[in-house]
Amino acid sequence: MTTIEHITDIAAPVEAVWAVLTDVDAYGEWNPFLAFEDAPAAVGDRLRITVRPGRRTMSFRPTVTVFEPRREISWLGRFLVPGLFDGAHTLALEPLPNGHTRFHHREVFRGLLVPVMRSVLRDTDAGFAAMNEALAARLQTHSPTAPR
């Protein structure tokens, strides 16, 4: 098992961060790492996701495992068959007392191929950092407040 996690404090309320995270049509304007074909909306949804770790582009169809508005979106993706290379991905929001938001971006990788996927995991770690930084920057310039 390998865990990649980046935590970023964002100077915006949870509602604003949630609005940016769920506006998947705008990801191309700011997100250097992750793209959705359709927005996740409920547990059990099958997503179409493209990630760009390093110079690679990988597309897959994970299943939403948690969907709690203004709190968390999680999904489980698998490469070919369960137990080969599985990734449990989480985007979670934590309200802070000052009205800001702590963004938790985490993925737990399990499976037989995890030990030999070091370069993919290293590039994924860099992609998480870039996405978190871009999310914080997006909220400095675009501050949607309508909850979804």
N, C-alpha and C. Protein backbone atom coordinates (compact mmCIF):
# COMPACT_ATOMS: atom_id res chain seq x y z
N MET A 1 0.84 -1.18 0.00
CA MET A 1 0.00 0.00 0.00
C MET A 1 0.89 1.24 0.00
N THR A 2 0.52 2.21 -0.84
CA THR A 2 1.21 3.50 -0.91
C THR A 2 0.16 4.59 -0.87
N THR A 3 0.41 5.61 -0.05
CA THR A 3 -0.52 6.74 0.06
C THR A 3 0.17 8.01 -0.41
N ILE A 4 -0.54 8.75 -1.24
CA ILE A 4 -0.10 10.08 -1.66
C ILE A 4 -1.13 11.04 -1.09
N GLU A 5 -0.64 12.08 -0.41
CA GLU A 5 -1.58 13.05 0.17
C GLU A 5 -0.96 14.44 0.15
N HIS A 6 -1.78 15.39 -0.24
CA HIS A 6 -1.41 16.80 -0.17
C HIS A 6 -2.57 17.53 0.50
N ILE A 7 -2.22 18.37 1.45
CA ILE A 7 -3.22 19.16 2.18
C ILE A 7 -2.89 20.63 1.97
N THR A 8 -3.91 21.39 1.57
CA THR A 8 -3.70 22.80 1.26
C THR A 8 -4.79 23.62 1.93
N ASP A 9 -4.38 24.66 2.66
CA ASP A 9 -5.35 25.61 3.21
C ASP A 9 -5.65 26.65 2.15
N ILE A 10 -6.94 26.88 1.93
CA ILE A 10 -7.39 27.79 0.88
C ILE A 10 -8.18 28.92 1.51
N ALA A 11 -7.86 30.15 1.13
CA ALA A 11 -8.49 31.34 1.68
C ALA A 11 -9.85 31.58 1.02
N ALA A 12 -10.75 30.62 1.22
CA ALA A 12 -12.11 30.72 0.68
C ALA A 12 -13.00 29.78 1.49
N PRO A 13 -14.28 30.06 1.58
CA PRO A 13 -15.18 29.18 2.33
C PRO A 13 -15.42 27.86 1.59
N VAL A 14 -15.85 26.87 2.34
CA VAL A 14 -16.11 25.54 1.79
C VAL A 14 -17.02 25.61 0.57
N GLU A 15 -18.07 26.41 0.64
CA GLU A 15 -19.04 26.50 -0.47
C GLU A 15 -18.36 26.92 -1.76
N ALA A 16 -17.43 27.85 -1.68
CA ALA A 16 -16.73 28.33 -2.88
C ALA A 16 -15.79 27.26 -3.43
N VAL A 17 -15.09 26.57 -2.54
CA VAL A 17 -14.18 25.51 -2.98
C VAL A 17 -14.99 24.37 -3.61
N TRP A 18 -16.10 24.00 -2.99
CA TRP A 18 -16.96 22.94 -3.54
C TRP A 18 -17.46 23.33 -4.94
N ALA A 19 -17.85 24.58 -5.09
CA ALA A 19 -18.36 25.04 -6.40
C ALA A 19 -17.30 24.88 -7.48
N VAL A 20 -16.04 25.19 -7.18
CA VAL A 20 -14.97 25.02 -8.17
C VAL A 20 -14.71 23.54 -8.43
N LEU A 21 -14.68 22.73 -7.38
CA LEU A 21 -14.42 21.30 -7.56
C LEU A 21 -15.51 20.59 -8.35
N THR A 22 -16.74 21.04 -8.23
CA THR A 22 -17.84 20.36 -8.92
C THR A 22 -18.15 20.97 -10.29
N ASP A 23 -17.49 22.05 -10.64
CA ASP A 23 -17.65 22.65 -11.98
C ASP A 23 -16.63 22.01 -12.91
N VAL A 24 -16.84 20.74 -13.22
CA VAL A 24 -15.84 19.98 -13.98
C VAL A 24 -15.68 20.49 -15.41
N ASP A 25 -16.68 21.20 -15.93
CA ASP A 25 -16.56 21.77 -17.27
C ASP A 25 -15.46 22.83 -17.34
N ALA A 26 -15.13 23.44 -16.21
CA ALA A 26 -14.11 24.49 -16.17
C ALA A 26 -12.72 23.96 -15.81
N TYR A 27 -12.58 22.67 -15.56
CA TYR A 27 -11.28 22.13 -15.16
C TYR A 27 -10.18 22.45 -16.17
N GLY A 28 -10.51 22.48 -17.45
CA GLY A 28 -9.51 22.79 -18.47
C GLY A 28 -8.90 24.17 -18.32
N GLU A 29 -9.61 25.07 -17.62
CA GLU A 29 -9.12 26.43 -17.42
C GLU A 29 -8.09 26.52 -16.30
N TRP A 30 -8.08 25.54 -15.39
CA TRP A 30 -7.20 25.69 -14.23
C TRP A 30 -6.51 24.41 -13.77
N ASN A 31 -7.08 23.24 -14.04
CA ASN A 31 -6.57 22.02 -13.43
C ASN A 31 -5.54 21.33 -14.34
N PRO A 32 -4.27 21.30 -13.94
CA PRO A 32 -3.24 20.70 -14.78
C PRO A 32 -3.16 19.18 -14.67
N PHE A 33 -3.93 18.58 -13.76
CA PHE A 33 -3.76 17.16 -13.47
C PHE A 33 -4.97 16.29 -13.79
N LEU A 34 -6.17 16.78 -13.56
CA LEU A 34 -7.36 15.94 -13.57
C LEU A 34 -8.43 16.52 -14.47
N ALA A 35 -9.11 15.66 -15.21
CA ALA A 35 -10.25 16.10 -16.04
C ALA A 35 -11.36 15.06 -15.92
N PHE A 36 -12.59 15.55 -15.79
CA PHE A 36 -13.78 14.71 -15.74
C PHE A 36 -14.57 14.90 -17.02
N GLU A 37 -15.17 13.84 -17.51
CA GLU A 37 -16.12 13.98 -18.61
C GLU A 37 -17.48 14.45 -18.08
N ASP A 38 -17.88 13.91 -16.93
CA ASP A 38 -19.12 14.30 -16.27
C ASP A 38 -18.85 14.48 -14.79
N ALA A 39 -19.61 15.36 -14.16
CA ALA A 39 -19.44 15.61 -12.73
C ALA A 39 -19.97 14.45 -11.91
N PRO A 40 -19.25 14.06 -10.87
CA PRO A 40 -19.79 13.06 -9.95
C PRO A 40 -20.99 13.67 -9.22
N ALA A 41 -22.02 12.86 -9.01
CA ALA A 41 -23.22 13.39 -8.36
C ALA A 41 -23.81 12.47 -7.30
N ALA A 42 -23.38 11.19 -7.28
CA ALA A 42 -23.94 10.26 -6.31
C ALA A 42 -23.05 9.03 -6.17
N VAL A 43 -23.15 8.39 -5.02
CA VAL A 43 -22.44 7.13 -4.81
C VAL A 43 -22.92 6.14 -5.87
N GLY A 44 -21.98 5.41 -6.44
CA GLY A 44 -22.29 4.43 -7.47
C GLY A 44 -22.11 4.95 -8.88
N ASP A 45 -22.01 6.27 -9.06
CA ASP A 45 -21.77 6.82 -10.40
C ASP A 45 -20.48 6.25 -10.97
N ARG A 46 -20.49 5.94 -12.26
CA ARG A 46 -19.27 5.57 -12.98
C ARG A 46 -18.77 6.83 -13.66
N LEU A 47 -17.56 7.20 -13.38
CA LEU A 47 -16.97 8.41 -13.92
C LEU A 47 -16.08 8.09 -15.11
N ARG A 48 -15.83 9.10 -15.92
CA ARG A 48 -14.81 9.04 -16.97
C ARG A 48 -13.80 10.12 -16.60
N ILE A 49 -12.62 9.68 -16.20
CA ILE A 49 -11.60 10.59 -15.70
C ILE A 49 -10.33 10.43 -16.52
N THR A 50 -9.66 11.55 -16.75
CA THR A 50 -8.34 11.54 -17.36
C THR A 50 -7.39 12.22 -16.39
N VAL A 51 -6.26 11.59 -16.12
CA VAL A 51 -5.22 12.20 -15.29
C VAL A 51 -3.97 12.35 -16.13
N ARG A 52 -3.18 13.35 -15.76
CA ARG A 52 -1.95 13.63 -16.48
C ARG A 52 -0.78 13.63 -15.50
N PRO A 53 -0.33 12.43 -15.08
CA PRO A 53 0.86 12.38 -14.22
C PRO A 53 2.12 12.50 -15.08
N GLY A 54 2.83 13.58 -14.91
CA GLY A 54 4.04 13.79 -15.72
C GLY A 54 3.67 13.98 -17.18
N ARG A 55 4.36 13.26 -18.05
CA ARG A 55 4.09 13.37 -19.49
C ARG A 55 3.06 12.34 -19.96
N ARG A 56 2.57 11.52 -19.03
CA ARG A 56 1.58 10.50 -19.38
C ARG A 56 0.18 11.08 -19.36
N THR A 57 -0.71 10.42 -20.07
CA THR A 57 -2.14 10.69 -19.96
C THR A 57 -2.81 9.34 -19.79
N MET A 58 -3.60 9.22 -18.73
CA MET A 58 -4.27 7.96 -18.45
C MET A 58 -5.75 8.23 -18.23
N SER A 59 -6.59 7.44 -18.87
CA SER A 59 -8.04 7.57 -18.70
C SER A 59 -8.58 6.29 -18.08
N PHE A 60 -9.57 6.45 -17.23
CA PHE A 60 -10.17 5.28 -16.58
C PHE A 60 -11.58 5.60 -16.13
N ARG A 61 -12.28 4.58 -15.65
CA ARG A 61 -13.69 4.68 -15.26
C ARG A 61 -13.90 4.21 -13.83
N PRO A 62 -13.55 5.04 -12.86
CA PRO A 62 -13.75 4.65 -11.46
C PRO A 62 -15.21 4.77 -11.03
N THR A 63 -15.50 4.22 -9.87
CA THR A 63 -16.84 4.27 -9.29
C THR A 63 -16.82 5.15 -8.05
N VAL A 64 -17.78 6.07 -7.96
CA VAL A 64 -17.89 6.96 -6.80
C VAL A 64 -18.26 6.13 -5.57
N THR A 65 -17.46 6.28 -4.50
CA THR A 65 -17.70 5.54 -3.26
C THR A 65 -18.25 6.43 -2.15
N VAL A 66 -17.96 7.73 -2.22
CA VAL A 66 -18.49 8.70 -1.25
C VAL A 66 -18.86 9.96 -2.02
N PHE A 67 -20.05 10.48 -1.75
CA PHE A 67 -20.45 11.78 -2.31
C PHE A 67 -21.25 12.51 -1.23
N GLU A 68 -20.57 13.42 -0.55
CA GLU A 68 -21.20 14.22 0.50
C GLU A 68 -21.01 15.69 0.12
N PRO A 69 -22.07 16.34 -0.38
CA PRO A 69 -21.93 17.73 -0.84
C PRO A 69 -21.25 18.63 0.20
N ARG A 70 -20.34 19.44 -0.33
CA ARG A 70 -19.55 20.39 0.44
C ARG A 70 -18.64 19.73 1.46
N ARG A 71 -18.42 18.41 1.29
CA ARG A 71 -17.54 17.72 2.23
C ARG A 71 -16.55 16.76 1.56
N GLU A 72 -17.05 15.84 0.71
CA GLU A 72 -16.13 14.84 0.16
C GLU A 72 -16.68 14.19 -1.11
N ILE A 73 -15.74 13.92 -2.01
CA ILE A 73 -15.98 13.08 -3.18
C ILE A 73 -14.84 12.06 -3.19
N SER A 74 -15.19 10.78 -3.22
CA SER A 74 -14.18 9.72 -3.30
C SER A 74 -14.60 8.73 -4.37
N TRP A 75 -13.59 8.10 -4.97
CA TRP A 75 -13.87 7.08 -5.97
C TRP A 75 -12.80 6.00 -5.92
N LEU A 76 -13.13 4.84 -6.48
CA LEU A 76 -12.20 3.73 -6.56
C LEU A 76 -11.99 3.39 -8.02
N GLY A 77 -10.73 3.44 -8.43
CA GLY A 77 -10.36 3.07 -9.79
C GLY A 77 -9.48 1.84 -9.77
N ARG A 78 -9.58 1.06 -10.83
CA ARG A 78 -8.79 -0.16 -10.93
C ARG A 78 -8.18 -0.27 -12.32
N PHE A 79 -6.98 -0.84 -12.37
CA PHE A 79 -6.33 -1.12 -13.64
C PHE A 79 -6.58 -2.58 -13.99
N LEU A 80 -7.34 -2.81 -15.03
CA LEU A 80 -7.69 -4.12 -15.55
C LEU A 80 -8.55 -4.94 -14.59
N VAL A 81 -7.94 -5.50 -13.53
CA VAL A 81 -8.70 -6.35 -12.61
C VAL A 81 -8.42 -5.93 -11.16
N PRO A 82 -9.36 -6.16 -10.25
CA PRO A 82 -9.13 -5.82 -8.85
C PRO A 82 -7.86 -6.49 -8.31
N GLY A 83 -7.10 -5.70 -7.55
CA GLY A 83 -5.90 -6.22 -6.91
C GLY A 83 -4.63 -6.08 -7.71
N LEU A 84 -4.73 -5.58 -8.93
CA LEU A 84 -3.54 -5.38 -9.75
C LEU A 84 -2.93 -4.00 -9.47
N PHE A 85 -3.74 -2.97 -9.62
CA PHE A 85 -3.32 -1.60 -9.31
C PHE A 85 -4.59 -0.81 -9.06
N ASP A 86 -4.99 -0.70 -7.80
CA ASP A 86 -6.22 -0.03 -7.39
C ASP A 86 -5.88 1.30 -6.73
N GLY A 87 -6.68 2.31 -7.01
CA GLY A 87 -6.49 3.61 -6.39
C GLY A 87 -7.78 4.12 -5.79
N ALA A 88 -7.76 4.39 -4.49
CA ALA A 88 -8.90 4.98 -3.79
C ALA A 88 -8.59 6.47 -3.61
N HIS A 89 -9.27 7.31 -4.38
CA HIS A 89 -8.99 8.74 -4.49
C HIS A 89 -10.00 9.53 -3.66
N THR A 90 -9.54 10.54 -2.94
CA THR A 90 -10.42 11.36 -2.10
C THR A 90 -10.11 12.83 -2.28
N LEU A 91 -11.17 13.61 -2.47
CA LEU A 91 -11.12 15.07 -2.43
C LEU A 91 -12.03 15.47 -1.26
N ALA A 92 -11.45 15.99 -0.18
CA ALA A 92 -12.23 16.29 1.01
C ALA A 92 -12.02 17.74 1.45
N LEU A 93 -13.08 18.34 1.95
CA LEU A 93 -13.05 19.72 2.40
C LEU A 93 -13.32 19.79 3.90
N GLU A 94 -12.50 20.56 4.58
CA GLU A 94 -12.65 20.74 6.02
C GLU A 94 -12.79 22.23 6.30
N PRO A 95 -13.92 22.67 6.86
CA PRO A 95 -14.05 24.09 7.18
C PRO A 95 -13.12 24.46 8.34
N LEU A 96 -12.49 25.61 8.21
CA LEU A 96 -11.61 26.11 9.27
C LEU A 96 -12.33 27.24 10.03
N PRO A 97 -11.96 27.47 11.29
CA PRO A 97 -12.65 28.48 12.10
C PRO A 97 -12.61 29.90 11.51
N ASN A 98 -11.60 30.19 10.69
CA ASN A 98 -11.47 31.53 10.12
C ASN A 98 -12.28 31.71 8.83
N GLY A 99 -13.11 30.73 8.48
CA GLY A 99 -13.92 30.82 7.27
C GLY A 99 -13.21 30.29 6.03
N HIS A 100 -11.99 29.82 6.20
CA HIS A 100 -11.23 29.24 5.10
C HIS A 100 -11.50 27.74 5.04
N THR A 101 -10.83 27.06 4.10
CA THR A 101 -11.05 25.64 3.89
C THR A 101 -9.72 24.90 3.82
N ARG A 102 -9.67 23.76 4.46
CA ARG A 102 -8.52 22.86 4.32
C ARG A 102 -8.93 21.79 3.30
N PHE A 103 -8.16 21.71 2.21
CA PHE A 103 -8.43 20.75 1.13
C PHE A 103 -7.50 19.56 1.29
N HIS A 104 -8.09 18.38 1.47
CA HIS A 104 -7.35 17.12 1.59
C HIS A 104 -7.47 16.39 0.26
N HIS A 105 -6.35 16.13 -0.36
CA HIS A 105 -6.31 15.43 -1.65
C HIS A 105 -5.45 14.19 -1.43
N ARG A 106 -6.09 13.01 -1.51
CA ARG A 106 -5.39 11.79 -1.11
C ARG A 106 -5.75 10.64 -2.05
N GLU A 107 -4.78 9.74 -2.24
CA GLU A 107 -5.06 8.50 -2.93
C GLU A 107 -4.25 7.39 -2.28
N VAL A 108 -4.94 6.29 -2.03
CA VAL A 108 -4.30 5.10 -1.47
C VAL A 108 -4.25 4.06 -2.58
N PHE A 109 -3.03 3.65 -2.91
CA PHE A 109 -2.80 2.67 -3.97
C PHE A 109 -2.52 1.30 -3.35
N ARG A 110 -3.18 0.30 -3.91
CA ARG A 110 -2.97 -1.09 -3.47
C ARG A 110 -2.87 -1.97 -4.71
N GLY A 111 -2.18 -3.09 -4.56
CA GLY A 111 -2.15 -4.06 -5.64
C GLY A 111 -0.76 -4.54 -5.97
N LEU A 112 -0.73 -5.58 -6.76
CA LEU A 112 0.53 -6.23 -7.12
C LEU A 112 1.50 -5.34 -7.87
N LEU A 113 0.98 -4.40 -8.67
CA LEU A 113 1.86 -3.56 -9.48
C LEU A 113 2.37 -2.30 -8.76
N VAL A 114 1.85 -2.01 -7.59
CA VAL A 114 2.26 -0.78 -6.89
C VAL A 114 3.78 -0.68 -6.75
N PRO A 115 4.48 -1.73 -6.33
CA PRO A 115 5.94 -1.60 -6.16
C PRO A 115 6.70 -1.27 -7.44
N VAL A 116 6.15 -1.62 -8.60
CA VAL A 116 6.88 -1.37 -9.84
C VAL A 116 6.39 -0.11 -10.57
N MET A 117 5.48 0.62 -9.96
CA MET A 117 4.92 1.83 -10.58
C MET A 117 5.49 3.10 -9.94
N ARG A 118 6.71 3.05 -9.49
CA ARG A 118 7.31 4.18 -8.76
C ARG A 118 7.29 5.50 -9.55
N SER A 119 7.60 5.45 -10.84
CA SER A 119 7.62 6.70 -11.61
C SER A 119 6.21 7.26 -11.76
N VAL A 120 5.22 6.40 -11.94
CA VAL A 120 3.83 6.88 -12.03
C VAL A 120 3.42 7.51 -10.70
N LEU A 121 3.77 6.87 -9.59
CA LEU A 121 3.42 7.39 -8.27
C LEU A 121 4.14 8.71 -7.99
N ARG A 122 5.40 8.81 -8.38
CA ARG A 122 6.15 10.07 -8.20
C ARG A 122 5.49 11.19 -9.01
N ASP A 123 5.13 10.89 -10.25
CA ASP A 123 4.49 11.91 -11.10
C ASP A 123 3.09 12.25 -10.59
N THR A 124 2.39 11.26 -10.04
CA THR A 124 1.06 11.51 -9.46
C THR A 124 1.19 12.44 -8.26
N ASP A 125 2.21 12.22 -7.44
CA ASP A 125 2.45 13.10 -6.29
C ASP A 125 2.66 14.55 -6.75
N ALA A 126 3.44 14.73 -7.79
CA ALA A 126 3.67 16.07 -8.34
C ALA A 126 2.37 16.64 -8.92
N GLY A 127 1.56 15.78 -9.54
CA GLY A 127 0.27 16.22 -10.09
C GLY A 127 -0.68 16.68 -9.01
N PHE A 128 -0.71 15.97 -7.87
CA PHE A 128 -1.55 16.39 -6.75
C PHE A 128 -1.13 17.77 -6.27
N ALA A 129 0.18 17.96 -6.10
CA ALA A 129 0.69 19.26 -5.63
C ALA A 129 0.30 20.36 -6.60
N ALA A 130 0.44 20.11 -7.90
CA ALA A 130 0.09 21.12 -8.91
C ALA A 130 -1.40 21.41 -8.90
N MET A 131 -2.22 20.38 -8.75
CA MET A 131 -3.67 20.61 -8.72
C MET A 131 -4.06 21.42 -7.49
N ASN A 132 -3.52 21.08 -6.33
CA ASN A 132 -3.85 21.82 -5.12
C ASN A 132 -3.46 23.29 -5.25
N GLU A 133 -2.29 23.54 -5.78
CA GLU A 133 -1.82 24.91 -5.97
C GLU A 133 -2.74 25.65 -6.96
N ALA A 134 -3.11 24.98 -8.03
CA ALA A 134 -3.98 25.60 -9.03
C ALA A 134 -5.38 25.85 -8.47
N LEU A 135 -5.87 24.95 -7.63
CA LEU A 135 -7.19 25.15 -7.00
C LEU A 135 -7.17 26.39 -6.12
N ALA A 136 -6.15 26.53 -5.30
CA ALA A 136 -6.04 27.71 -4.44
C ALA A 136 -5.95 28.98 -5.27
N ALA A 137 -5.17 28.95 -6.35
CA ALA A 137 -5.04 30.12 -7.23
C ALA A 137 -6.37 30.43 -7.91
N ARG A 138 -7.08 29.40 -8.34
CA ARG A 138 -8.39 29.61 -9.00
C ARG A 138 -9.35 30.32 -8.05
N LEU A 139 -9.32 29.96 -6.80
CA LEU A 139 -10.23 30.58 -5.83
C LEU A 139 -9.82 32.01 -5.49
N GLN A 140 -8.59 32.37 -5.74
CA GLN A 140 -8.19 33.77 -5.57
C GLN A 140 -8.73 34.64 -6.67
N THR A 141 -8.90 34.05 -7.87
CA THR A 141 -9.36 34.84 -9.01
C THR A 141 -10.83 34.62 -9.35
N HIS A 142 -11.38 33.45 -9.02
CA HIS A 142 -12.80 33.14 -9.26
C HIS A 142 -13.36 32.63 -7.94
N SER A 143 -14.27 33.34 -7.37
CA SER A 143 -14.82 32.92 -6.10
C SER A 143 -16.31 32.67 -6.19
N PRO A 144 -16.68 31.53 -6.81
CA PRO A 144 -18.11 31.22 -6.86
C PRO A 144 -18.63 30.93 -5.46
N THR A 145 -19.83 31.35 -5.17
CA THR A 145 -20.36 31.13 -3.84
C THR A 145 -21.64 30.30 -3.83
N ALA A 146 -22.14 29.97 -5.00
CA ALA A 146 -23.38 29.18 -5.04
C ALA A 146 -23.09 27.74 -4.72
N PRO A 147 -23.65 27.22 -3.62
CA PRO A 147 -23.42 25.81 -3.31
C PRO A 147 -24.10 24.91 -4.32
N ARG A 148 -23.50 23.73 -4.52
CA ARG A 148 -24.05 22.74 -5.46
C ARG A 148 -24.47 21.52 -4.71
